[in-house]
């Protein structure tokens, strides 16, 4: 019982500080959904809902940031003017073979 009390005394302030550090809306993208999934998974895995929520928040935030970067890159590619591909070069006229030269 003492370990559980000690663990709660340490984990709860850490979780609160983590949420306070990521309090802005831009930083919270993906955190809420990840925390909810992580809390359920942690609870099912052995009553570690808080640890699951913290981990889920971190993972959700990371995935959301990757998706945002992918979207930004896609938008950037779409806004760049597309250059026309170079025209295929046709070979010029061949020089006439010399008299008496064997053709291959």
PDB file of N, CA and C in Angstrom:
ATOM      1  N   UNK A   1       0.826  -1.191   0.000  1.00  0.00           N
ATOM      2  CA  UNK A   1       0.000   0.000   0.000  1.00  0.00           C
ATOM      3  C   UNK A   1       0.866   1.250   0.000  1.00  0.00           C
ATOM      4  N   UNK A   2       2.013   1.202   0.654  1.00  0.00           N
ATOM      5  CA  UNK A   2       2.889   2.361   0.721  1.00  0.00           C
ATOM      6  C   UNK A   2       3.444   2.696  -0.660  1.00  0.00           C
ATOM      7  N   UNK A   3       3.731   1.664  -1.470  1.00  0.00           N
ATOM      8  CA  UNK A   3       4.244   1.903  -2.815  1.00  0.00           C
ATOM      9  C   UNK A   3       3.207   2.601  -3.678  1.00  0.00           C
ATOM     10  N   UNK A   4       1.975   2.192  -3.530  1.00  0.00           N
ATOM     11  CA  UNK A   4       0.915   2.801  -4.334  1.00  0.00           C
ATOM     12  C   UNK A   4       0.741   4.281  -3.978  1.00  0.00           C
ATOM     13  N   UNK A   5       0.779   4.590  -2.711  1.00  0.00           N
ATOM     14  CA  UNK A   5       0.664   5.974  -2.261  1.00  0.00           C
ATOM     15  C   UNK A   5       1.854   6.789  -2.747  1.00  0.00           C
ATOM     16  N   UNK A   6       3.039   6.219  -2.646  1.00  0.00           N
ATOM     17  CA  UNK A   6       4.237   6.907  -3.110  1.00  0.00           C
ATOM     18  C   UNK A   6       4.190   7.118  -4.621  1.00  0.00           C
ATOM     19  N   UNK A   7       3.754   6.101  -5.350  1.00  0.00           N
ATOM     20  CA  UNK A   7       3.655   6.206  -6.798  1.00  0.00           C
ATOM     21  C   UNK A   7       2.658   7.284  -7.196  1.00  0.00           C
ATOM     22  N   UNK A   8       1.510   7.318  -6.525  1.00  0.00           N
ATOM     23  CA  UNK A   8       0.518   8.345  -6.819  1.00  0.00           C
ATOM     24  C   UNK A   8       1.051   9.734  -6.473  1.00  0.00           C
ATOM     25  N   UNK A   9       1.794   9.823  -5.406  1.00  0.00           N
ATOM     26  CA  UNK A   9       2.347  11.111  -4.995  1.00  0.00           C
ATOM     27  C   UNK A   9       3.376  11.623  -5.997  1.00  0.00           C
ATOM     28  N   UNK A  10       4.036  10.718  -6.696  1.00  0.00           N
ATOM     29  CA  UNK A  10       5.025  11.128  -7.688  1.00  0.00           C
ATOM     30  C   UNK A  10       4.426  11.297  -9.084  1.00  0.00           C
ATOM     31  N   UNK A  11       3.535  10.397  -9.470  1.00  0.00           N
ATOM     32  CA  UNK A  11       3.004  10.409 -10.831  1.00  0.00           C
ATOM     33  C   UNK A  11       2.042  11.565 -11.050  1.00  0.00           C
ATOM     34  N   UNK A  12       1.161  11.815 -10.119  1.00  0.00           N
ATOM     35  CA  UNK A  12       0.155  12.858 -10.309  1.00  0.00           C
ATOM     36  C   UNK A  12       0.788  14.232 -10.525  1.00  0.00           C
ATOM     37  N   UNK A  13       1.770  14.651  -9.718  1.00  0.00           N
ATOM     38  CA  UNK A  13       2.388  15.955 -10.017  1.00  0.00           C
ATOM     39  C   UNK A  13       3.118  15.984 -11.368  1.00  0.00           C
ATOM     40  N   UNK A  14       3.737  14.877 -11.731  1.00  0.00           N
ATOM     41  CA  UNK A  14       4.426  14.824 -13.023  1.00  0.00           C
ATOM     42  C   UNK A  14       3.425  14.966 -14.160  1.00  0.00           C
ATOM     43  N   UNK A  15       2.295  14.296 -14.056  1.00  0.00           N
ATOM     44  CA  UNK A  15       1.262  14.392 -15.094  1.00  0.00           C
ATOM     45  C   UNK A  15       0.729  15.813 -15.169  1.00  0.00           C
ATOM     46  N   UNK A  16       0.478  16.413 -14.050  1.00  0.00           N
ATOM     47  CA  UNK A  16      -0.030  17.792 -14.034  1.00  0.00           C
ATOM     48  C   UNK A  16       0.981  18.737 -14.672  1.00  0.00           C
ATOM     49  N   UNK A  17       2.257  18.572 -14.339  1.00  0.00           N
ATOM     50  CA  UNK A  17       3.292  19.419 -14.941  1.00  0.00           C
ATOM     51  C   UNK A  17       3.389  19.190 -16.450  1.00  0.00           C
ATOM     52  N   UNK A  18       3.244  17.943 -16.866  1.00  0.00           N
ATOM     53  CA  UNK A  18       3.303  17.646 -18.303  1.00  0.00           C
ATOM     54  C   UNK A  18       2.152  18.330 -19.033  1.00  0.00           C
ATOM     55  N   UNK A  19       0.969  18.271 -18.457  1.00  0.00           N
ATOM     56  CA  UNK A  19      -0.169  18.927 -19.100  1.00  0.00           C
ATOM     57  C   UNK A  19      -0.029  20.444 -19.069  1.00  0.00           C
ATOM     58  N   UNK A  20       0.542  20.984 -18.019  1.00  0.00           N
ATOM     59  CA  UNK A  20       0.738  22.426 -17.949  1.00  0.00           C
ATOM     60  C   UNK A  20       1.776  22.880 -18.975  1.00  0.00           C
ATOM     61  N   UNK A  21       2.785  22.078 -19.192  1.00  0.00           N
ATOM     62  CA  UNK A  21       3.823  22.437 -20.157  1.00  0.00           C
ATOM     63  C   UNK A  21       3.267  22.446 -21.569  1.00  0.00           C
ATOM     64  N   UNK A  22       2.299  21.579 -21.835  1.00  0.00           N
ATOM     65  CA  UNK A  22       1.690  21.484 -23.161  1.00  0.00           C
ATOM     66  C   UNK A  22       0.287  22.075 -23.162  1.00  0.00           C
ATOM     67  N   UNK A  23       0.107  23.178 -22.484  1.00  0.00           N
ATOM     68  CA  UNK A  23      -1.225  23.731 -22.313  1.00  0.00           C
ATOM     69  C   UNK A  23      -1.759  24.439 -23.555  1.00  0.00           C
ATOM     70  N   UNK A  24      -0.889  24.929 -24.414  1.00  0.00           N
ATOM     71  CA  UNK A  24      -1.386  25.663 -25.574  1.00  0.00           C
ATOM     72  C   UNK A  24      -2.133  24.725 -26.516  1.00  0.00           C
ATOM     73  N   UNK A  25      -3.082  25.267 -27.240  1.00  0.00           N
ATOM     74  CA  UNK A  25      -3.926  24.453 -28.106  1.00  0.00           C
ATOM     75  C   UNK A  25      -3.110  23.830 -29.241  1.00  0.00           C
ATOM     76  N   UNK A  26      -2.149  24.561 -29.772  1.00  0.00           N
ATOM     77  CA  UNK A  26      -1.337  24.025 -30.867  1.00  0.00           C
ATOM     78  C   UNK A  26      -0.534  22.819 -30.401  1.00  0.00           C
ATOM     79  N   UNK A  27      -0.072  22.834 -29.179  1.00  0.00           N
ATOM     80  CA  UNK A  27       0.724  21.734 -28.667  1.00  0.00           C
ATOM     81  C   UNK A  27      -0.140  20.556 -28.232  1.00  0.00           C
ATOM     82  N   UNK A  28      -1.423  20.790 -27.995  1.00  0.00           N
ATOM     83  CA  UNK A  28      -2.300  19.728 -27.496  1.00  0.00           C
ATOM     84  C   UNK A  28      -2.856  18.855 -28.614  1.00  0.00           C
ATOM     85  N   UNK A  29      -2.583  19.189 -29.843  1.00  0.00           N
ATOM     86  CA  UNK A  29      -3.125  18.426 -30.968  1.00  0.00           C
ATOM     87  C   UNK A  29      -2.659  16.968 -30.866  1.00  0.00           C
ATOM     88  N   UNK A  30      -3.605  16.083 -30.832  1.00  0.00           N
ATOM     89  CA  UNK A  30      -3.307  14.656 -30.756  1.00  0.00           C
ATOM     90  C   UNK A  30      -3.166  14.131 -29.344  1.00  0.00           C
ATOM     91  N   UNK A  31      -2.949  15.019 -28.385  1.00  0.00           N
ATOM     92  CA  UNK A  31      -2.715  14.595 -27.009  1.00  0.00           C
ATOM     93  C   UNK A  31      -3.988  14.041 -26.368  1.00  0.00           C
ATOM     94  N   UNK A  32      -5.095  14.704 -26.558  1.00  0.00           N
ATOM     95  CA  UNK A  32      -6.335  14.292 -25.908  1.00  0.00           C
ATOM     96  C   UNK A  32      -6.752  12.899 -26.371  1.00  0.00           C
ATOM     97  N   UNK A  33      -6.748  12.701 -27.683  1.00  0.00           N
ATOM     98  CA  UNK A  33      -7.142  11.406 -28.227  1.00  0.00           C
ATOM     99  C   UNK A  33      -6.162  10.314 -27.772  1.00  0.00           C
ATOM    100  N   UNK A  34      -4.879  10.613 -27.828  1.00  0.00           N
ATOM    101  CA  UNK A  34      -3.868   9.640 -27.406  1.00  0.00           C
ATOM    102  C   UNK A  34      -3.961   9.332 -25.931  1.00  0.00           C
ATOM    103  N   UNK A  35      -4.250  10.351 -25.121  1.00  0.00           N
ATOM    104  CA  UNK A  35      -4.363  10.143 -23.678  1.00  0.00           C
ATOM    105  C   UNK A  35      -5.560   9.261 -23.355  1.00  0.00           C
ATOM    106  N   UNK A  36      -6.668   9.467 -24.056  1.00  0.00           N
ATOM    107  CA  UNK A  36      -7.855   8.647 -23.808  1.00  0.00           C
ATOM    108  C   UNK A  36      -7.588   7.191 -24.160  1.00  0.00           C
ATOM    109  N   UNK A  37      -6.991   6.971 -25.316  1.00  0.00           N
ATOM    110  CA  UNK A  37      -6.681   5.596 -25.726  1.00  0.00           C
ATOM    111  C   UNK A  37      -5.655   4.971 -24.786  1.00  0.00           C
ATOM    112  N   UNK A  38      -4.641   5.738 -24.435  1.00  0.00           N
ATOM    113  CA  UNK A  38      -3.605   5.236 -23.530  1.00  0.00           C
ATOM    114  C   UNK A  38      -4.142   4.918 -22.150  1.00  0.00           C
ATOM    115  N   UNK A  39      -5.064   5.733 -21.662  1.00  0.00           N
ATOM    116  CA  UNK A  39      -5.639   5.483 -20.337  1.00  0.00           C
ATOM    117  C   UNK A  39      -6.426   4.183 -20.323  1.00  0.00           C
ATOM    118  N   UNK A  40      -7.202   3.945 -21.362  1.00  0.00           N
ATOM    119  CA  UNK A  40      -7.971   2.699 -21.442  1.00  0.00           C
ATOM    120  C   UNK A  40      -7.025   1.512 -21.552  1.00  0.00           C
ATOM    121  N   UNK A  41      -6.025   1.634 -22.425  1.00  0.00           N
ATOM    122  CA  UNK A  41      -5.072   0.529 -22.595  1.00  0.00           C
ATOM    123  C   UNK A  41      -4.304   0.270 -21.300  1.00  0.00           C
ATOM    124  N   UNK A  42      -3.893   1.325 -20.620  1.00  0.00           N
ATOM    125  CA  UNK A  42      -3.163   1.160 -19.363  1.00  0.00           C
ATOM    126  C   UNK A  42      -4.025   0.544 -18.278  1.00  0.00           C
ATOM    127  N   UNK A  43      -5.286   0.920 -18.244  1.00  0.00           N
ATOM    128  CA  UNK A  43      -6.194   0.349 -17.248  1.00  0.00           C
ATOM    129  C   UNK A  43      -6.396  -1.139 -17.498  1.00  0.00           C
ATOM    130  N   UNK A  44      -6.596  -1.506 -18.759  1.00  0.00           N
ATOM    131  CA  UNK A  44      -6.804  -2.906 -19.096  1.00  0.00           C
ATOM    132  C   UNK A  44      -5.536  -3.718 -18.838  1.00  0.00           C
ATOM    133  N   UNK A  45      -4.377  -3.107 -19.060  1.00  0.00           N
ATOM    134  CA  UNK A  45      -3.109  -3.815 -18.911  1.00  0.00           C
ATOM    135  C   UNK A  45      -2.687  -3.981 -17.458  1.00  0.00           C
ATOM    136  N   UNK A  46      -3.399  -3.448 -16.529  1.00  0.00           N
ATOM    137  CA  UNK A  46      -3.019  -3.657 -15.130  1.00  0.00           C
ATOM    138  C   UNK A  46      -3.171  -2.433 -14.264  1.00  0.00           C
ATOM    139  N   UNK A  47      -4.221  -1.701 -14.462  1.00  0.00           N
ATOM    140  CA  UNK A  47      -4.534  -0.530 -13.626  1.00  0.00           C
ATOM    141  C   UNK A  47      -3.423   0.526 -13.660  1.00  0.00           C
ATOM    142  N   UNK A  48      -2.903   0.773 -14.845  1.00  0.00           N
ATOM    143  CA  UNK A  48      -1.900   1.821 -15.031  1.00  0.00           C
ATOM    144  C   UNK A  48      -2.465   2.895 -15.951  1.00  0.00           C
ATOM    145  N   UNK A  49      -3.645   3.377 -15.644  1.00  0.00           N
ATOM    146  CA  UNK A  49      -4.335   4.329 -16.508  1.00  0.00           C
ATOM    147  C   UNK A  49      -3.574   5.643 -16.635  1.00  0.00           C
ATOM    148  N   UNK A  50      -3.003   6.130 -15.563  1.00  0.00           N
ATOM    149  CA  UNK A  50      -2.304   7.421 -15.607  1.00  0.00           C
ATOM    150  C   UNK A  50      -1.054   7.306 -16.468  1.00  0.00           C
ATOM    151  N   UNK A  51      -0.309   6.244 -16.269  1.00  0.00           N
ATOM    152  CA  UNK A  51       0.895   6.039 -17.073  1.00  0.00           C
ATOM    153  C   UNK A  51       0.524   5.872 -18.548  1.00  0.00           C
ATOM    154  N   UNK A  52      -0.548   5.140 -18.807  1.00  0.00           N
ATOM    155  CA  UNK A  52      -1.022   4.973 -20.176  1.00  0.00           C
ATOM    156  C   UNK A  52      -1.455   6.288 -20.786  1.00  0.00           C
ATOM    157  N   UNK A  53      -2.106   7.125 -19.998  1.00  0.00           N
ATOM    158  CA  UNK A  53      -2.558   8.428 -20.504  1.00  0.00           C
ATOM    159  C   UNK A  53      -1.377   9.321 -20.858  1.00  0.00           C
ATOM    160  N   UNK A  54      -0.365   9.337 -20.024  1.00  0.00           N
ATOM    161  CA  UNK A  54       0.815  10.158 -20.298  1.00  0.00           C
ATOM    162  C   UNK A  54       1.520   9.662 -21.555  1.00  0.00           C
ATOM    163  N   UNK A  55       1.695   8.358 -21.654  1.00  0.00           N
ATOM    164  CA  UNK A  55       2.346   7.787 -22.830  1.00  0.00           C
ATOM    165  C   UNK A  55       1.499   8.015 -24.080  1.00  0.00           C
ATOM    166  N   UNK A  56       0.192   7.804 -23.961  1.00  0.00           N
ATOM    167  CA  UNK A  56      -0.705   8.026 -25.097  1.00  0.00           C
ATOM    168  C   UNK A  56      -0.687   9.464 -25.563  1.00  0.00           C
ATOM    169  N   UNK A  57      -0.600  10.391 -24.632  1.00  0.00           N
ATOM    170  CA  UNK A  57      -0.528  11.809 -24.978  1.00  0.00           C
ATOM    171  C   UNK A  57       0.735  12.088 -25.791  1.00  0.00           C
ATOM    172  N   UNK A  58       1.849  11.549 -25.336  1.00  0.00           N
ATOM    173  CA  UNK A  58       3.120  11.771 -26.035  1.00  0.00           C
ATOM    174  C   UNK A  58       3.080  11.169 -27.436  1.00  0.00           C
ATOM    175  N   UNK A  59       2.570   9.951 -27.540  1.00  0.00           N
ATOM    176  CA  UNK A  59       2.500   9.285 -28.840  1.00  0.00           C
ATOM    177  C   UNK A  59       1.515  10.016 -29.767  1.00  0.00           C
ATOM    178  N   UNK A  60       0.357  10.380 -29.235  1.00  0.00           N
ATOM    179  CA  UNK A  60      -0.634  11.087 -30.037  1.00  0.00           C
ATOM    180  C   UNK A  60      -0.115  12.423 -30.541  1.00  0.00           C
ATOM    181  N   UNK A  61       0.600  13.126 -29.684  1.00  0.00           N
ATOM    182  CA  UNK A  61       1.177  14.410 -30.081  1.00  0.00           C
ATOM    183  C   UNK A  61       2.213  14.216 -31.186  1.00  0.00           C
ATOM    184  N   UNK A  62       3.035  13.188 -31.039  1.00  0.00           N
ATOM    185  CA  UNK A  62       4.066  12.901 -32.033  1.00  0.00           C
ATOM    186  C   UNK A  62       3.440  12.571 -33.390  1.00  0.00           C
ATOM    187  N   UNK A  63       2.424  11.722 -33.377  1.00  0.00           N
ATOM    188  CA  UNK A  63       1.765  11.340 -34.623  1.00  0.00           C
ATOM    189  C   UNK A  63       1.066  12.534 -35.276  1.00  0.00           C
ATOM    190  N   UNK A  64       0.441  13.377 -34.460  1.00  0.00           N
ATOM    191  CA  UNK A  64      -0.225  14.561 -35.000  1.00  0.00           C
ATOM    192  C   UNK A  64       0.789  15.523 -35.615  1.00  0.00           C
ATOM    193  N   UNK A  65       1.937  15.638 -34.993  1.00  0.00           N
ATOM    194  CA  UNK A  65       2.973  16.522 -35.516  1.00  0.00           C
ATOM    195  C   UNK A  65       3.508  15.996 -36.849  1.00  0.00           C
ATOM    196  N   UNK A  66       3.685  14.672 -36.949  1.00  0.00           N
ATOM    197  CA  UNK A  66       4.129  14.077 -38.210  1.00  0.00           C
ATOM    198  C   UNK A  66       3.099  14.303 -39.311  1.00  0.00           C
ATOM    199  N   UNK A  67       1.829  14.135 -38.978  1.00  0.00           N
ATOM    200  CA  UNK A  67       0.762  14.333 -39.965  1.00  0.00           C
ATOM    201  C   UNK A  67       0.713  15.794 -40.409  1.00  0.00           C
ATOM    202  N   UNK A  68       0.870  16.718 -39.468  1.00  0.00           N
ATOM    203  CA  UNK A  68       0.869  18.141 -39.803  1.00  0.00           C
ATOM    204  C   UNK A  68       2.039  18.472 -40.736  1.00  0.00           C
ATOM    205  N   UNK A  69       3.199  17.896 -40.466  1.00  0.00           N
ATOM    206  CA  UNK A  69       4.361  18.126 -41.313  1.00  0.00           C
ATOM    207  C   UNK A  69       4.127  17.554 -42.716  1.00  0.00           C
ATOM    208  N   UNK A  70       3.499  16.380 -42.797  1.00  0.00           N
ATOM    209  CA  UNK A  70       3.203  15.771 -44.089  1.00  0.00           C
ATOM    210  C   UNK A  70       2.221  16.643 -44.873  1.00  0.00           C
ATOM    211  N   UNK A  71       1.205  17.170 -44.188  1.00  0.00           N
ATOM    212  CA  UNK A  71       0.224  18.034 -44.843  1.00  0.00           C
ATOM    213  C   UNK A  71       0.875  19.328 -45.336  1.00  0.00           C
ATOM    214  N   UNK A  72       1.767  19.892 -44.525  1.00  0.00           N
ATOM    215  CA  UNK A  72       2.446  21.124 -44.898  1.00  0.00           C
ATOM    216  C   UNK A  72       3.317  20.892 -46.133  1.00  0.00           C
ATOM    217  N   UNK A  73       4.004  19.760 -46.165  1.00  0.00           N
ATOM    218  CA  UNK A  73       4.847  19.426 -47.306  1.00  0.00           C
ATOM    219  C   UNK A  73       4.001  19.229 -48.568  1.00  0.00           C
ATOM    220  N   UNK A  74       2.858  18.597 -48.429  1.00  0.00           N
ATOM    221  CA  UNK A  74       1.963  18.377 -49.561  1.00  0.00           C
ATOM    222  C   UNK A  74       1.430  19.704 -50.099  1.00  0.00           C
ATOM    223  N   UNK A  75       1.022  20.602 -49.202  1.00  0.00           N
ATOM    224  CA  UNK A  75       0.545  21.923 -49.622  1.00  0.00           C
ATOM    225  C   UNK A  75       1.649  22.698 -50.333  1.00  0.00           C
ATOM    226  N   UNK A  76       2.878  22.582 -49.815  1.00  0.00           N
ATOM    227  CA  UNK A  76       4.004  23.294 -50.406  1.00  0.00           C
ATOM    228  C   UNK A  76       4.276  22.782 -51.825  1.00  0.00           C
ATOM    229  N   UNK A  77       4.165  21.489 -52.022  1.00  0.00           N
ATOM    230  CA  UNK A  77       4.381  20.921 -53.350  1.00  0.00           C
ATOM    231  C   UNK A  77       3.282  21.367 -54.317  1.00  0.00           C
ATOM    232  N   UNK A  78       2.063  21.503 -53.821  1.00  0.00           N
ATOM    233  CA  UNK A  78       0.953  21.897 -54.681  1.00  0.00           C
ATOM    234  C   UNK A  78       1.015  23.366 -55.069  1.00  0.00           C
ATOM    235  N   UNK A  79       1.596  24.205 -54.228  1.00  0.00           N
ATOM    236  CA  UNK A  79       1.642  25.637 -54.521  1.00  0.00           C
ATOM    237  C   UNK A  79       2.819  26.008 -55.400  1.00  0.00           C
ATOM    238  N   UNK A  80       3.821  25.160 -55.491  1.00  0.00           N
ATOM    239  CA  UNK A  80       4.959  25.464 -56.351  1.00  0.00           C
ATOM    240  C   UNK A  80       4.528  25.345 -57.808  1.00  0.00           C
ATOM    241  N   UNK A  81       4.980  26.285 -58.644  1.00  0.00           N
ATOM    242  CA  UNK A  81       4.616  26.185 -60.062  1.00  0.00           C
ATOM    243  C   UNK A  81       5.254  24.946 -60.670  1.00  0.00           C
ATOM    244  N   UNK A  82       4.467  24.232 -61.409  1.00  0.00           N
ATOM    245  CA  UNK A  82       4.989  23.023 -62.018  1.00  0.00           C
ATOM    246  C   UNK A  82       5.663  23.399 -63.334  1.00  0.00           C
ATOM    247  N   UNK A  83       6.922  23.045 -63.443  1.00  0.00           N
ATOM    248  CA  UNK A  83       7.645  23.350 -64.669  1.00  0.00           C
ATOM    249  C   UNK A  83       7.297  22.305 -65.723  1.00  0.00           C
ATOM    250  N   UNK A  84       7.317  22.739 -66.962  1.00  0.00           N
ATOM    251  CA  UNK A  84       7.003  21.820 -68.042  1.00  0.00           C
ATOM    252  C   UNK A  84       8.199  20.909 -68.269  1.00  0.00           C
ATOM    253  N   UNK A  85       7.940  19.649 -68.551  1.00  0.00           N
ATOM    254  CA  UNK A  85       9.059  18.743 -68.788  1.00  0.00           C
ATOM    255  C   UNK A  85       9.767  19.134 -70.076  1.00  0.00           C
ATOM    256  N   UNK A  86      11.079  18.917 -70.142  1.00  0.00           N
ATOM    257  CA  UNK A  86      11.803  19.288 -71.356  1.00  0.00           C
ATOM    258  C   UNK A  86      11.313  18.459 -72.540  1.00  0.00           C
ATOM    259  N   UNK A  87      11.296  19.093 -73.690  1.00  0.00           N
ATOM    260  CA  UNK A  87      10.851  18.411 -74.903  1.00  0.00           C
ATOM    261  C   UNK A  87      11.855  17.314 -75.257  1.00  0.00           C
ATOM    262  N   UNK A  88      11.373  16.176 -75.733  1.00  0.00           N
ATOM    263  CA  UNK A  88      12.314  15.111 -76.093  1.00  0.00           C
ATOM    264  C   UNK A  88      13.155  15.544 -77.281  1.00  0.00           C
ATOM    265  N   UNK A  89      14.425  15.241 -77.189  1.00  0.00           N
ATOM    266  CA  UNK A  89      15.332  15.631 -78.260  1.00  0.00           C
ATOM    267  C   UNK A  89      15.331  14.552 -79.335  1.00  0.00           C
ATOM    268  N   UNK A  90      15.140  14.978 -80.549  1.00  0.00           N
ATOM    269  CA  UNK A  90      15.197  14.032 -81.659  1.00  0.00           C
ATOM    270  C   UNK A  90      16.599  14.068 -82.236  1.00  0.00           C
ATOM    271  N   UNK A  91      17.100  12.917 -82.617  1.00  0.00           N
ATOM    272  CA  UNK A  91      18.466  12.927 -83.162  1.00  0.00           C
ATOM    273  C   UNK A  91      18.484  13.675 -84.489  1.00  0.00           C
ATOM    274  N   UNK A  92      19.562  14.385 -84.705  1.00  0.00           N
ATOM    275  CA  UNK A  92      19.718  15.151 -85.937  1.00  0.00           C
ATOM    276  C   UNK A  92      20.050  14.228 -87.113  1.00  0.00           C
ATOM    277  N   UNK A  93      20.202  14.795 -88.292  1.00  0.00           N
ATOM    278  CA  UNK A  93      20.530  13.967 -89.459  1.00  0.00           C
ATOM    279  C   UNK A  93      21.904  13.325 -89.299  1.00  0.00           C
ATOM    280  N   UNK A  94      22.000  12.110 -89.735  1.00  0.00           N
ATOM    281  CA  UNK A  94      23.274  11.395 -89.635  1.00  0.00           C
ATOM    282  C   UNK A  94      24.154  11.793 -90.820  1.00  0.00           C
ATOM    283  N   UNK A  95      25.440  11.844 -90.549  1.00  0.00           N
ATOM    284  CA  UNK A  95      26.331  12.158 -91.677  1.00  0.00           C
ATOM    285  C   UNK A  95      26.353  10.986 -92.670  1.00  0.00           C
ATOM    286  N   UNK A  96      26.540  11.300 -93.891  1.00  0.00           N
ATOM    287  CA  UNK A  96      26.581  10.271 -94.938  1.00  0.00           C
ATOM    288  C   UNK A  96      27.822   9.410 -94.758  1.00  0.00           C
ATOM    289  N   UNK A  97      27.694   8.087 -94.958  1.00  0.00           N
ATOM    290  CA  UNK A  97      28.885   7.235 -94.824  1.00  0.00           C
ATOM    291  C   UNK A  97      29.893   7.537 -95.927  1.00  0.00           C
ATOM    292  N   UNK A  98      31.135   7.327 -95.569  1.00  0.00           N
ATOM    293  CA  UNK A  98      32.196   7.587 -96.556  1.00  0.00           C
ATOM    294  C   UNK A  98      32.154   6.515 -97.646  1.00  0.00           C
ATOM    295  N   UNK A  99      32.636   6.853 -98.774  1.00  0.00           N
ATOM    296  CA  UNK A  99      32.658   5.906 -99.880  1.00  0.00           C
ATOM    297  C   UNK A  99      33.627   4.775 -99.546  1.00  0.00           C
ATOM    298  N   UNK A 100      33.187   3.590 -99.718  1.00  0.00           N
ATOM    299  CA  UNK A 100      34.028   2.414 -99.492  1.00  0.00           C
ATOM    300  C   UNK A 100      34.021   1.939 -98.049  1.00  0.00           C
ATOM    301  N   UNK A 101      33.332   2.610 -97.168  1.00  0.00           N
ATOM    302  CA  UNK A 101      33.274   2.185 -95.757  1.00  0.00           C
ATOM    303  C   UNK A 101      32.191   1.146 -95.594  1.00  0.00           C
ATOM    304  N   UNK A 102      32.479   0.175 -94.799  1.00  0.00           N
ATOM    305  CA  UNK A 102      31.502  -0.884 -94.556  1.00  0.00           C
ATOM    306  C   UNK A 102      30.470  -0.413 -93.557  1.00  0.00           C
ATOM    307  N   UNK A 103      29.233  -0.715 -93.814  1.00  0.00           N
ATOM    308  CA  UNK A 103      28.181  -0.347 -92.876  1.00  0.00           C
ATOM    309  C   UNK A 103      27.887  -1.532 -91.980  1.00  0.00           C
ATOM    310  N   UNK A 104      27.600  -1.246 -90.792  1.00  0.00           N
ATOM    311  CA  UNK A 104      27.355  -2.300 -89.799  1.00  0.00           C
ATOM    312  C   UNK A 104      25.898  -2.449 -89.519  1.00  0.00           C
TER     313      UNK A 104
END
